[in-house]
Amino acid sequence: MNTMSEPRPIQMNFQQAIQMLQQERASFEALQERMEKYRLNLEETLIVQEALNTVQKLKEDKSVKISLGAGVYMDANLVTTDKVLITLGGAILKPASIPEALKGLENRQKEAEMEIAKISEEQRKHMANINSLTQVARSLGDKNRQ
């Protein structure tokens, strides 16, 4: 005797389908926001890696333009081209060699890329659910109108 019953089709009304569709869309939008944060993080990481690789090739006392943000720059002379300061959180800074900093940035890049891939997969699943629920809602809406 089979103790497991056969799966029954899920029954839902139009309102339930719309509610589930709204929940899926909200989840998808939250994933989009997370994705954007990781993309910005990745972009910043790649820019800093490129800048550090350039700094390594420069000579000390070289005049460079430093971005202060919001399109504002200033001239500065490099005192050293082999050490940088890395933030540990808040206003705490730690000296590090450029290779150490690049290694940390490389790890950060890999983490961001992995998260982007995970989020992308989650988005695909939610989009499939959204498409299915849209069809169900349309079908139920058509039945209600008849």
N, C-alpha and C. Protein backbone atom coordinates (compact mmCIF):
# COMPACT_ATOMS: atom_id res chain seq x y z
N MET A 1 0.84 -1.18 0.00
CA MET A 1 0.00 0.00 0.00
C MET A 1 0.88 1.24 0.00
N ASN A 2 0.58 2.17 -0.86
CA ASN A 2 1.35 3.40 -0.98
C ASN A 2 0.84 4.42 0.04
N THR A 3 1.71 4.77 1.01
CA THR A 3 1.29 5.71 2.06
C THR A 3 1.38 7.16 1.60
N MET A 4 2.13 7.38 0.56
CA MET A 4 2.25 8.76 0.06
C MET A 4 1.12 9.01 -0.94
N SER A 5 0.41 10.08 -0.71
CA SER A 5 -0.67 10.41 -1.64
C SER A 5 -0.10 11.13 -2.85
N GLU A 6 -0.82 11.05 -3.92
CA GLU A 6 -0.40 11.73 -5.15
C GLU A 6 -0.50 13.23 -4.93
N PRO A 7 0.43 13.99 -5.51
CA PRO A 7 0.33 15.44 -5.35
C PRO A 7 -0.94 15.97 -6.01
N ARG A 8 -1.61 16.84 -5.30
CA ARG A 8 -2.84 17.42 -5.84
C ARG A 8 -2.51 18.76 -6.47
N PRO A 9 -3.23 19.11 -7.53
CA PRO A 9 -3.00 20.42 -8.13
C PRO A 9 -3.36 21.51 -7.13
N ILE A 10 -2.62 22.58 -7.17
CA ILE A 10 -2.88 23.71 -6.27
C ILE A 10 -4.08 24.48 -6.80
N GLN A 11 -5.02 24.72 -5.92
CA GLN A 11 -6.20 25.50 -6.28
C GLN A 11 -6.03 26.91 -5.71
N MET A 12 -6.25 27.90 -6.56
CA MET A 12 -6.19 29.27 -6.07
C MET A 12 -7.19 30.11 -6.82
N ASN A 13 -7.61 31.17 -6.16
CA ASN A 13 -8.53 32.08 -6.83
C ASN A 13 -7.73 33.25 -7.42
N PHE A 14 -8.43 34.12 -8.10
CA PHE A 14 -7.79 35.25 -8.78
C PHE A 14 -7.02 36.13 -7.79
N GLN A 15 -7.63 36.44 -6.65
CA GLN A 15 -6.98 37.30 -5.65
C GLN A 15 -5.69 36.67 -5.12
N GLN A 16 -5.73 35.38 -4.87
CA GLN A 16 -4.54 34.69 -4.38
C GLN A 16 -3.43 34.73 -5.43
N ALA A 17 -3.80 34.54 -6.68
CA ALA A 17 -2.81 34.58 -7.76
C ALA A 17 -2.18 35.97 -7.85
N ILE A 18 -3.01 37.01 -7.75
CA ILE A 18 -2.50 38.39 -7.80
C ILE A 18 -1.59 38.66 -6.61
N GLN A 19 -1.99 38.19 -5.44
CA GLN A 19 -1.19 38.38 -4.23
C GLN A 19 0.18 37.70 -4.37
N MET A 20 0.17 36.47 -4.85
CA MET A 20 1.43 35.75 -5.05
C MET A 20 2.29 36.44 -6.10
N LEU A 21 1.66 36.95 -7.15
CA LEU A 21 2.37 37.67 -8.19
C LEU A 21 3.03 38.92 -7.62
N GLN A 22 2.32 39.65 -6.79
CA GLN A 22 2.89 40.85 -6.16
C GLN A 22 4.07 40.50 -5.26
N GLN A 23 3.95 39.39 -4.53
CA GLN A 23 5.05 38.96 -3.66
C GLN A 23 6.28 38.59 -4.49
N GLU A 24 6.07 37.90 -5.59
CA GLU A 24 7.20 37.52 -6.46
C GLU A 24 7.86 38.76 -7.05
N ARG A 25 7.04 39.72 -7.47
CA ARG A 25 7.59 40.96 -8.03
C ARG A 25 8.39 41.73 -6.98
N ALA A 26 7.88 41.78 -5.75
CA ALA A 26 8.58 42.46 -4.66
C ALA A 26 9.92 41.77 -4.38
N SER A 27 9.91 40.45 -4.38
CA SER A 27 11.16 39.70 -4.18
C SER A 27 12.14 39.97 -5.31
N PHE A 28 11.63 40.02 -6.53
CA PHE A 28 12.48 40.28 -7.69
C PHE A 28 13.09 41.67 -7.59
N GLU A 29 12.30 42.66 -7.19
CA GLU A 29 12.81 44.03 -7.05
C GLU A 29 13.87 44.11 -5.95
N ALA A 30 13.67 43.39 -4.86
CA ALA A 30 14.67 43.37 -3.78
C ALA A 30 15.98 42.77 -4.30
N LEU A 31 15.86 41.73 -5.12
CA LEU A 31 17.06 41.12 -5.71
C LEU A 31 17.75 42.10 -6.65
N GLN A 32 16.98 42.89 -7.39
CA GLN A 32 17.58 43.88 -8.28
C GLN A 32 18.38 44.90 -7.49
N GLU A 33 17.84 45.32 -6.34
CA GLU A 33 18.56 46.28 -5.49
C GLU A 33 19.86 45.67 -4.97
N ARG A 34 19.79 44.42 -4.52
CA ARG A 34 21.01 43.74 -4.05
C ARG A 34 22.02 43.63 -5.18
N MET A 35 21.53 43.27 -6.37
CA MET A 35 22.41 43.13 -7.54
C MET A 35 23.12 44.45 -7.83
N GLU A 36 22.39 45.55 -7.77
CA GLU A 36 22.98 46.86 -8.06
C GLU A 36 24.07 47.19 -7.04
N LYS A 37 23.85 46.87 -5.78
CA LYS A 37 24.87 47.12 -4.75
C LYS A 37 26.14 46.33 -5.04
N TYR A 38 25.99 45.06 -5.42
CA TYR A 38 27.16 44.24 -5.73
C TYR A 38 27.86 44.72 -7.00
N ARG A 39 27.08 45.16 -7.98
CA ARG A 39 27.70 45.68 -9.21
C ARG A 39 28.51 46.94 -8.93
N LEU A 40 27.96 47.83 -8.10
CA LEU A 40 28.69 49.05 -7.74
C LEU A 40 29.95 48.70 -6.96
N ASN A 41 29.83 47.75 -6.04
CA ASN A 41 30.98 47.29 -5.27
C ASN A 41 32.05 46.72 -6.19
N LEU A 42 31.62 45.92 -7.16
CA LEU A 42 32.56 45.31 -8.11
C LEU A 42 33.22 46.38 -8.97
N GLU A 43 32.43 47.34 -9.43
CA GLU A 43 32.98 48.42 -10.25
C GLU A 43 34.04 49.21 -9.48
N GLU A 44 33.72 49.55 -8.23
CA GLU A 44 34.67 50.28 -7.39
C GLU A 44 35.95 49.46 -7.18
N THR A 45 35.79 48.18 -6.93
CA THR A 45 36.93 47.30 -6.71
C THR A 45 37.84 47.26 -7.93
N LEU A 46 37.26 47.14 -9.11
CA LEU A 46 38.05 47.09 -10.35
C LEU A 46 38.78 48.41 -10.60
N ILE A 47 38.13 49.52 -10.30
CA ILE A 47 38.76 50.84 -10.48
C ILE A 47 39.95 50.98 -9.54
N VAL A 48 39.78 50.56 -8.29
CA VAL A 48 40.87 50.66 -7.31
C VAL A 48 42.02 49.74 -7.69
N GLN A 49 41.71 48.53 -8.16
CA GLN A 49 42.78 47.62 -8.60
C GLN A 49 43.60 48.26 -9.72
N GLU A 50 42.91 48.85 -10.67
CA GLU A 50 43.61 49.51 -11.78
C GLU A 50 44.47 50.67 -11.27
N ALA A 51 43.93 51.45 -10.35
CA ALA A 51 44.67 52.58 -9.80
C ALA A 51 45.92 52.10 -9.05
N LEU A 52 45.78 51.04 -8.25
CA LEU A 52 46.93 50.53 -7.50
C LEU A 52 48.00 49.97 -8.43
N ASN A 53 47.58 49.30 -9.49
CA ASN A 53 48.56 48.80 -10.46
C ASN A 53 49.30 49.96 -11.13
N THR A 54 48.60 51.06 -11.38
CA THR A 54 49.24 52.24 -11.96
C THR A 54 50.20 52.87 -10.96
N VAL A 55 49.78 53.01 -9.71
CA VAL A 55 50.62 53.62 -8.67
C VAL A 55 51.91 52.84 -8.49
N GLN A 56 51.83 51.51 -8.55
CA GLN A 56 53.03 50.68 -8.40
C GLN A 56 54.09 51.03 -9.44
N LYS A 57 53.67 51.45 -10.61
CA LYS A 57 54.60 51.75 -11.70
C LYS A 57 55.18 53.16 -11.61
N LEU A 58 54.58 54.01 -10.78
CA LEU A 58 55.04 55.40 -10.68
C LEU A 58 56.24 55.51 -9.75
N LYS A 59 56.94 56.61 -9.90
CA LYS A 59 58.07 56.89 -9.01
C LYS A 59 57.60 57.78 -7.87
N GLU A 60 58.31 57.67 -6.75
CA GLU A 60 57.99 58.53 -5.61
C GLU A 60 58.19 59.98 -6.01
N ASP A 61 57.51 60.88 -5.30
CA ASP A 61 57.51 62.32 -5.56
C ASP A 61 56.88 62.67 -6.90
N LYS A 62 56.18 61.75 -7.50
CA LYS A 62 55.46 62.01 -8.74
C LYS A 62 54.19 62.78 -8.39
N SER A 63 53.87 63.80 -9.16
CA SER A 63 52.65 64.57 -8.96
C SER A 63 51.48 63.84 -9.62
N VAL A 64 50.41 63.66 -8.87
CA VAL A 64 49.22 62.98 -9.39
C VAL A 64 47.97 63.77 -9.02
N LYS A 65 46.89 63.50 -9.72
CA LYS A 65 45.59 64.09 -9.40
C LYS A 65 44.83 63.08 -8.54
N ILE A 66 44.32 63.53 -7.42
CA ILE A 66 43.58 62.68 -6.50
C ILE A 66 42.11 63.11 -6.52
N SER A 67 41.22 62.15 -6.75
CA SER A 67 39.79 62.43 -6.74
C SER A 67 39.31 62.52 -5.30
N LEU A 68 38.66 63.63 -4.99
CA LEU A 68 38.07 63.79 -3.66
C LEU A 68 36.59 63.42 -3.68
N GLY A 69 36.08 63.14 -4.87
CA GLY A 69 34.67 62.79 -5.04
C GLY A 69 33.88 63.97 -5.60
N ALA A 70 32.71 63.68 -6.13
CA ALA A 70 31.80 64.69 -6.68
C ALA A 70 32.47 65.53 -7.76
N GLY A 71 33.41 64.94 -8.50
CA GLY A 71 34.07 65.64 -9.59
C GLY A 71 35.14 66.63 -9.15
N VAL A 72 35.58 66.54 -7.90
CA VAL A 72 36.60 67.45 -7.38
C VAL A 72 37.92 66.70 -7.25
N TYR A 73 39.00 67.31 -7.77
CA TYR A 73 40.33 66.70 -7.74
C TYR A 73 41.31 67.67 -7.11
N MET A 74 42.44 67.13 -6.68
CA MET A 74 43.53 67.98 -6.20
C MET A 74 44.85 67.36 -6.61
N ASP A 75 45.87 68.18 -6.71
CA ASP A 75 47.21 67.69 -7.01
C ASP A 75 47.85 67.20 -5.72
N ALA A 76 48.60 66.12 -5.82
CA ALA A 76 49.32 65.59 -4.66
C ALA A 76 50.61 64.94 -5.15
N ASN A 77 51.60 64.92 -4.29
CA ASN A 77 52.86 64.24 -4.59
C ASN A 77 52.88 62.92 -3.83
N LEU A 78 53.24 61.86 -4.53
CA LEU A 78 53.32 60.55 -3.90
C LEU A 78 54.57 60.48 -3.03
N VAL A 79 54.39 60.22 -1.76
CA VAL A 79 55.52 60.06 -0.85
C VAL A 79 56.08 58.66 -0.99
N THR A 80 55.19 57.70 -1.16
CA THR A 80 55.59 56.32 -1.33
C THR A 80 54.68 55.67 -2.38
N THR A 81 55.21 54.70 -3.09
CA THR A 81 54.39 54.00 -4.09
C THR A 81 54.31 52.51 -3.78
N ASP A 82 54.65 52.14 -2.55
CA ASP A 82 54.59 50.72 -2.21
C ASP A 82 53.70 50.42 -1.02
N LYS A 83 53.14 51.44 -0.39
CA LYS A 83 52.26 51.24 0.77
C LYS A 83 50.98 52.04 0.59
N VAL A 84 49.89 51.47 1.09
CA VAL A 84 48.60 52.16 1.13
C VAL A 84 47.98 51.95 2.50
N LEU A 85 46.89 52.63 2.76
CA LEU A 85 46.14 52.44 3.99
C LEU A 85 44.81 51.78 3.64
N ILE A 86 44.47 50.75 4.38
CA ILE A 86 43.23 50.02 4.16
C ILE A 86 42.32 50.26 5.36
N THR A 87 41.06 50.57 5.09
CA THR A 87 40.13 50.78 6.19
C THR A 87 39.69 49.43 6.76
N LEU A 88 39.68 49.36 8.06
CA LEU A 88 39.22 48.15 8.75
C LEU A 88 37.78 48.32 9.22
N GLY A 89 37.24 49.48 8.98
CA GLY A 89 35.89 49.80 9.43
C GLY A 89 35.92 51.08 10.23
N GLY A 90 34.92 51.89 10.02
CA GLY A 90 34.91 53.18 10.70
C GLY A 90 36.08 54.01 10.22
N ALA A 91 36.80 54.61 11.15
CA ALA A 91 37.94 55.45 10.81
C ALA A 91 39.26 54.75 11.12
N ILE A 92 39.24 53.44 11.27
CA ILE A 92 40.45 52.69 11.60
C ILE A 92 41.15 52.30 10.30
N LEU A 93 42.41 52.71 10.17
CA LEU A 93 43.20 52.43 8.97
C LEU A 93 44.37 51.53 9.31
N LYS A 94 44.72 50.67 8.37
CA LYS A 94 45.83 49.74 8.56
C LYS A 94 46.77 49.88 7.36
N PRO A 95 48.07 50.06 7.62
CA PRO A 95 49.01 50.10 6.49
C PRO A 95 49.13 48.72 5.84
N ALA A 96 49.28 48.72 4.52
CA ALA A 96 49.44 47.46 3.79
C ALA A 96 50.26 47.72 2.54
N SER A 97 50.97 46.70 2.11
CA SER A 97 51.69 46.82 0.85
C SER A 97 50.66 46.78 -0.29
N ILE A 98 51.05 47.29 -1.43
CA ILE A 98 50.13 47.26 -2.57
C ILE A 98 49.78 45.83 -2.95
N PRO A 99 50.74 44.89 -2.99
CA PRO A 99 50.34 43.50 -3.28
C PRO A 99 49.32 42.94 -2.29
N GLU A 100 49.46 43.29 -0.99
CA GLU A 100 48.47 42.85 0.01
C GLU A 100 47.10 43.45 -0.30
N ALA A 101 47.10 44.73 -0.61
CA ALA A 101 45.84 45.41 -0.93
C ALA A 101 45.21 44.81 -2.17
N LEU A 102 46.02 44.53 -3.18
CA LEU A 102 45.51 43.93 -4.41
C LEU A 102 44.92 42.54 -4.15
N LYS A 103 45.56 41.78 -3.28
CA LYS A 103 45.05 40.45 -2.92
C LYS A 103 43.69 40.57 -2.24
N GLY A 104 43.58 41.51 -1.31
CA GLY A 104 42.29 41.74 -0.65
C GLY A 104 41.21 42.16 -1.63
N LEU A 105 41.58 43.02 -2.57
CA LEU A 105 40.63 43.47 -3.58
C LEU A 105 40.23 42.34 -4.52
N GLU A 106 41.19 41.47 -4.81
CA GLU A 106 40.90 40.31 -5.66
C GLU A 106 39.88 39.40 -4.98
N ASN A 107 40.06 39.19 -3.68
CA ASN A 107 39.10 38.38 -2.91
C ASN A 107 37.72 39.04 -2.90
N ARG A 108 37.72 40.35 -2.71
CA ARG A 108 36.47 41.12 -2.72
C ARG A 108 35.78 41.00 -4.08
N GLN A 109 36.58 41.05 -5.15
CA GLN A 109 36.05 40.93 -6.51
C GLN A 109 35.41 39.55 -6.70
N LYS A 110 36.10 38.50 -6.27
CA LYS A 110 35.57 37.14 -6.42
C LYS A 110 34.26 36.98 -5.65
N GLU A 111 34.22 37.51 -4.42
CA GLU A 111 33.01 37.42 -3.62
C GLU A 111 31.85 38.14 -4.31
N ALA A 112 32.12 39.33 -4.84
CA ALA A 112 31.07 40.09 -5.52
C ALA A 112 30.58 39.34 -6.76
N GLU A 113 31.51 38.78 -7.52
CA GLU A 113 31.13 38.03 -8.72
C GLU A 113 30.30 36.80 -8.38
N MET A 114 30.65 36.12 -7.29
CA MET A 114 29.88 34.94 -6.86
C MET A 114 28.48 35.35 -6.42
N GLU A 115 28.38 36.44 -5.67
CA GLU A 115 27.07 36.91 -5.23
C GLU A 115 26.22 37.35 -6.42
N ILE A 116 26.83 38.02 -7.38
CA ILE A 116 26.11 38.44 -8.58
C ILE A 116 25.56 37.22 -9.31
N ALA A 117 26.36 36.16 -9.41
CA ALA A 117 25.90 34.94 -10.08
C ALA A 117 24.74 34.30 -9.31
N LYS A 118 24.83 34.26 -7.97
CA LYS A 118 23.75 33.69 -7.16
C LYS A 118 22.46 34.50 -7.32
N ILE A 119 22.60 35.81 -7.25
CA ILE A 119 21.43 36.68 -7.37
C ILE A 119 20.81 36.54 -8.75
N SER A 120 21.65 36.44 -9.76
CA SER A 120 21.17 36.28 -11.13
C SER A 120 20.34 35.00 -11.27
N GLU A 121 20.81 33.93 -10.65
CA GLU A 121 20.07 32.66 -10.68
C GLU A 121 18.73 32.80 -9.94
N GLU A 122 18.76 33.46 -8.79
CA GLU A 122 17.52 33.69 -8.04
C GLU A 122 16.54 34.52 -8.87
N GLN A 123 17.08 35.52 -9.58
CA GLN A 123 16.22 36.36 -10.42
C GLN A 123 15.56 35.53 -11.52
N ARG A 124 16.32 34.62 -12.12
CA ARG A 124 15.74 33.76 -13.16
C ARG A 124 14.57 32.95 -12.61
N LYS A 125 14.75 32.41 -11.40
CA LYS A 125 13.68 31.61 -10.79
C LYS A 125 12.44 32.47 -10.52
N HIS A 126 12.68 33.67 -9.97
CA HIS A 126 11.55 34.55 -9.68
C HIS A 126 10.86 34.99 -10.97
N MET A 127 11.63 35.23 -12.02
CA MET A 127 11.04 35.64 -13.29
C MET A 127 10.18 34.52 -13.86
N ALA A 128 10.64 33.28 -13.74
CA ALA A 128 9.84 32.14 -14.20
C ALA A 128 8.53 32.07 -13.40
N ASN A 129 8.63 32.28 -12.09
CA ASN A 129 7.42 32.28 -11.25
C ASN A 129 6.48 33.42 -11.64
N ILE A 130 7.06 34.59 -11.90
CA ILE A 130 6.25 35.75 -12.31
C ILE A 130 5.52 35.45 -13.61
N ASN A 131 6.23 34.87 -14.56
CA ASN A 131 5.60 34.53 -15.85
C ASN A 131 4.47 33.51 -15.66
N SER A 132 4.72 32.49 -14.85
CA SER A 132 3.69 31.47 -14.59
C SER A 132 2.48 32.07 -13.88
N LEU A 133 2.75 32.86 -12.85
CA LEU A 133 1.65 33.46 -12.10
C LEU A 133 0.87 34.47 -12.93
N THR A 134 1.55 35.15 -13.83
CA THR A 134 0.86 36.08 -14.73
C THR A 134 -0.13 35.33 -15.61
N GLN A 135 0.31 34.19 -16.13
CA GLN A 135 -0.58 33.37 -16.97
C GLN A 135 -1.76 32.84 -16.15
N VAL A 136 -1.48 32.38 -14.94
CA VAL A 136 -2.55 31.87 -14.07
C VAL A 136 -3.54 32.99 -13.75
N ALA A 137 -3.02 34.17 -13.40
CA ALA A 137 -3.90 35.29 -13.06
C ALA A 137 -4.75 35.69 -14.26
N ARG A 138 -4.16 35.72 -15.44
CA ARG A 138 -4.94 36.05 -16.65
C ARG A 138 -6.04 35.02 -16.88
N SER A 139 -5.67 33.77 -16.74
CA SER A 139 -6.65 32.69 -16.95
C SER A 139 -7.79 32.79 -15.94
N LEU A 140 -7.44 33.01 -14.67
CA LEU A 140 -8.47 33.14 -13.63
C LEU A 140 -9.30 34.40 -13.85
N GLY A 141 -8.66 35.47 -14.28
CA GLY A 141 -9.38 36.71 -14.56
C GLY A 141 -10.36 36.53 -15.70
N ASP A 142 -9.94 35.80 -16.73
CA ASP A 142 -10.83 35.52 -17.86
C ASP A 142 -12.03 34.68 -17.41
N LYS A 143 -11.78 33.69 -16.55
CA LYS A 143 -12.86 32.83 -16.04
C LYS A 143 -13.85 33.66 -15.22
N ASN A 144 -13.32 34.60 -14.42
CA ASN A 144 -14.19 35.44 -13.58
C ASN A 144 -15.07 36.34 -14.44
N ARG A 145 -14.58 36.77 -15.58
CA ARG A 145 -15.34 37.67 -16.45
C ARG A 145 -16.44 36.94 -17.22
N GLN A 146 -16.29 35.64 -17.36
CA GLN A 146 -17.28 34.87 -18.15
C GLN A 146 -18.53 34.59 -17.38
